[in-house]
């Protein structure tokens, strides 16, 4: 709009001072918009640079044929409920579960390793607060979770995997690692 066409609240043409005030206001808005555009452009340029740096690290990765799983442990896997004193206990056992999953990865492949890890996670969650009956005596422990967690936890989790009524844990028989299907607990 032209300043000459503007009117005040009373419908009268703007005075010279009102025109100048309006012009000053528009100038401030224009300056703010220019600052916002400059800030947005700077952020965009930074993101483009970061993406280019990341892409540069990926050069030569075209011939990669293996996935590399990440197995969180401890607080990264399960937020502890501190009054139960589970942080250290769960951290220790989930670290051993991750070591076991890596062993399964090396011997049996990615899918069996992921199934083992998923089952162990559900066993730990199903255990709630670790009590004396949930954990085997320490002298029997190895990285294999069967030697650490009580068999009843595995039975319950495997039963839940196959029972559609258990909503969260129902995953079907194909989610059960093969070795557990015939295992006697």
Protein backbone atom coordinates (compact mmCIF):
# COMPACT_ATOMS: atom_id res chain seq x y z
CA UNK A 1 0.00 0.00 0.00
CA UNK A 2 1.04 3.57 -0.58
CA UNK A 3 1.38 5.72 2.51
CA UNK A 4 -0.90 8.33 0.94
CA UNK A 5 -3.75 5.78 0.80
CA UNK A 6 -3.54 4.87 4.50
CA UNK A 7 -6.05 6.23 6.95
CA UNK A 8 -6.14 6.37 10.74
CA UNK A 9 -8.79 4.83 13.02
CA UNK A 10 -11.12 7.74 12.37
CA UNK A 11 -10.91 7.14 8.61
CA UNK A 12 -8.92 10.32 8.00
CA UNK A 13 -5.71 10.45 5.97
CA UNK A 14 -2.55 9.95 8.06
CA UNK A 15 -0.64 12.96 9.25
CA UNK A 16 3.02 13.30 8.28
CA UNK A 17 4.04 12.10 11.78
CA UNK A 18 1.72 9.04 11.55
CA UNK A 19 3.16 8.25 8.12
CA UNK A 20 6.69 8.47 9.52
CA UNK A 21 5.77 6.29 12.53
CA UNK A 22 4.23 3.74 10.18
CA UNK A 23 7.31 3.84 7.96
CA UNK A 24 9.59 3.38 11.00
CA UNK A 25 7.46 0.41 12.14
CA UNK A 26 7.68 -1.20 8.69
CA UNK A 27 11.43 -0.65 8.67
CA UNK A 28 11.81 -2.41 12.03
CA UNK A 29 9.67 -5.32 10.77
CA UNK A 30 11.80 -5.51 7.63
CA UNK A 31 15.03 -5.53 9.67
CA UNK A 32 13.69 -8.30 11.95
CA UNK A 33 12.64 -10.34 8.94
CA UNK A 34 16.09 -9.89 7.40
CA UNK A 35 17.70 -11.03 10.69
CA UNK A 36 15.43 -14.09 10.82
CA UNK A 37 16.25 -14.96 7.21
CA UNK A 38 19.99 -14.57 7.94
CA UNK A 39 19.69 -16.81 11.04
CA UNK A 40 17.70 -19.44 9.16
CA UNK A 41 20.20 -19.36 6.27
CA UNK A 42 23.10 -19.74 8.70
CA UNK A 43 21.42 -22.75 10.35
CA UNK A 44 20.69 -24.25 6.95
CA UNK A 45 24.30 -23.74 5.83
CA UNK A 46 25.53 -25.41 9.03
CA UNK A 47 23.23 -28.40 8.49
CA UNK A 48 24.35 -28.70 4.85
CA UNK A 49 28.00 -28.62 5.96
CA UNK A 50 27.32 -31.26 8.62
CA UNK A 51 25.54 -33.45 6.09
CA UNK A 52 28.43 -33.09 3.63
CA UNK A 53 30.91 -34.00 6.38
CA UNK A 54 28.83 -37.06 7.28
CA UNK A 55 28.52 -38.11 3.63
CA UNK A 56 32.31 -37.78 3.28
CA UNK A 57 32.72 -40.30 6.12
CA UNK A 58 30.49 -42.71 4.22
CA UNK A 59 32.62 -42.77 1.07
CA UNK A 60 33.81 -46.26 0.39
CA UNK A 61 31.00 -47.80 2.44
CA UNK A 62 29.20 -48.98 -0.69
CA UNK A 63 30.78 -52.41 -0.40
CA UNK A 64 29.68 -52.94 3.22
CA UNK A 65 27.64 -56.12 3.40
CA UNK A 66 27.15 -56.65 7.13
CA UNK A 67 24.87 -54.88 9.58
CA UNK A 68 26.38 -53.84 12.88
CA UNK A 69 23.87 -54.19 15.71
CA UNK A 70 23.90 -51.94 18.74
CA UNK A 71 22.85 -53.56 22.00
CA UNK A 72 22.08 -50.99 24.71
CA UNK A 73 22.71 -52.11 28.29
CA UNK A 74 21.88 -50.89 31.76
CA UNK A 75 20.11 -47.54 32.03
CA UNK A 76 20.26 -47.12 28.25
CA UNK A 77 18.09 -50.22 27.89
CA UNK A 78 15.78 -49.93 30.88
CA UNK A 79 15.21 -46.92 33.07
CA UNK A 80 15.77 -48.21 36.59
CA UNK A 81 13.28 -47.74 39.37
CA UNK A 82 15.80 -46.70 42.02
CA UNK A 83 13.81 -47.62 45.15
CA UNK A 84 13.92 -51.25 43.96
CA UNK A 85 17.73 -51.11 43.67
CA UNK A 86 17.64 -52.50 40.13
CA UNK A 87 20.11 -50.21 38.36
CA UNK A 88 23.31 -52.11 39.03
CA UNK A 89 21.71 -55.54 38.88
CA UNK A 90 19.93 -54.94 35.59
CA UNK A 91 22.98 -53.17 34.20
CA UNK A 92 25.18 -56.15 34.96
CA UNK A 93 22.77 -58.73 33.56
CA UNK A 94 21.87 -56.74 30.44
CA UNK A 95 25.59 -56.31 29.72
CA UNK A 96 26.03 -60.08 29.93
CA UNK A 97 22.94 -60.49 27.70
CA UNK A 98 24.56 -58.19 25.12
CA UNK A 99 27.77 -60.26 25.23
CA UNK A 100 25.70 -63.40 24.70
CA UNK A 101 23.90 -61.79 21.76
CA UNK A 102 27.27 -60.94 20.20
CA UNK A 103 28.35 -64.57 20.61
CA UNK A 104 25.13 -65.72 18.92
CA UNK A 105 25.74 -63.14 16.18
CA UNK A 106 29.19 -64.61 15.54
CA UNK A 107 28.02 -68.22 15.54
CA UNK A 108 24.43 -68.13 14.20
CA UNK A 109 23.91 -64.78 12.49
CA UNK A 110 22.04 -61.52 12.94
CA UNK A 111 18.43 -62.72 13.23
CA UNK A 112 19.12 -65.32 15.96
CA UNK A 113 21.15 -62.70 17.86
CA UNK A 114 18.31 -60.19 17.69
CA UNK A 115 15.80 -62.82 18.81
CA UNK A 116 18.00 -63.77 21.78
CA UNK A 117 18.39 -60.13 22.77
CA UNK A 118 14.67 -59.49 22.48
CA UNK A 119 13.81 -62.53 24.59
CA UNK A 120 16.36 -61.55 27.25
CA UNK A 121 14.92 -58.03 27.36
CA UNK A 122 11.42 -59.41 27.91
CA UNK A 123 12.70 -61.80 30.58
CA UNK A 124 14.31 -58.89 32.45
CA UNK A 125 11.16 -56.76 32.13
CA UNK A 126 8.98 -59.69 33.16
CA UNK A 127 11.10 -60.27 36.23
CA UNK A 128 10.22 -56.83 37.58
CA UNK A 129 12.26 -56.49 40.74
CA UNK A 130 14.96 -59.14 40.73
CA UNK A 131 14.39 -61.35 43.73
CA UNK A 132 16.11 -64.43 44.97
CA UNK A 133 13.89 -66.71 42.89
CA UNK A 134 14.51 -64.87 39.61
CA UNK A 135 18.27 -65.27 39.46
CA UNK A 136 20.29 -68.50 39.52
CA UNK A 137 23.06 -68.80 42.13
CA UNK A 138 26.09 -66.81 41.05
CA UNK A 139 28.42 -69.82 40.81
CA UNK A 140 26.44 -71.03 37.76
CA UNK A 141 26.58 -67.76 35.81
CA UNK A 142 27.97 -67.49 32.31
CA UNK A 143 27.09 -65.06 29.55
CA UNK A 144 24.33 -67.49 28.53
CA UNK A 145 21.15 -66.12 30.11
CA UNK A 146 19.85 -69.65 30.76
CA UNK A 147 22.60 -69.96 33.40
CA UNK A 148 21.60 -66.69 35.10
CA UNK A 149 17.82 -66.26 34.93
CA UNK A 150 15.48 -68.80 36.51
CA UNK A 151 13.75 -71.13 34.06
CA UNK A 152 10.30 -70.00 35.19
CA UNK A 153 11.02 -66.54 33.75
CA UNK A 154 11.78 -68.09 30.37
CA UNK A 155 8.68 -70.30 30.52
CA UNK A 156 6.47 -67.34 31.35
CA UNK A 157 7.97 -65.16 28.60
CA UNK A 158 7.76 -67.90 25.97
CA UNK A 159 4.16 -68.62 26.97
CA UNK A 160 3.37 -64.88 26.65
CA UNK A 161 5.00 -64.76 23.21
CA UNK A 162 2.47 -67.34 22.03
CA UNK A 163 -0.64 -66.04 23.83
CA UNK A 164 -2.53 -63.29 21.93
CA UNK A 165 -4.17 -62.21 25.20
CA UNK A 166 -0.83 -60.86 26.51
CA UNK A 167 -0.93 -57.91 24.07
CA UNK A 168 2.57 -56.40 24.65
CA UNK A 169 4.48 -59.65 24.75
CA UNK A 170 2.54 -61.57 22.10
CA UNK A 171 5.01 -61.98 19.22
CA UNK A 172 4.28 -65.45 17.89
CA UNK A 173 6.34 -68.62 17.90
CA UNK A 174 8.72 -67.26 15.24
CA UNK A 175 10.01 -64.72 17.78
CA UNK A 176 11.27 -67.48 20.06
CA UNK A 177 14.93 -68.40 19.53
CA UNK A 178 15.07 -71.99 18.27
CA UNK A 179 17.08 -73.36 21.19
CA UNK A 180 14.36 -72.39 23.68
CA UNK A 181 11.56 -74.25 21.91
CA UNK A 182 12.83 -77.67 22.94
CA UNK A 183 14.64 -76.62 26.11
CA UNK A 184 13.55 -78.09 29.42
CA UNK A 185 13.71 -75.51 32.17
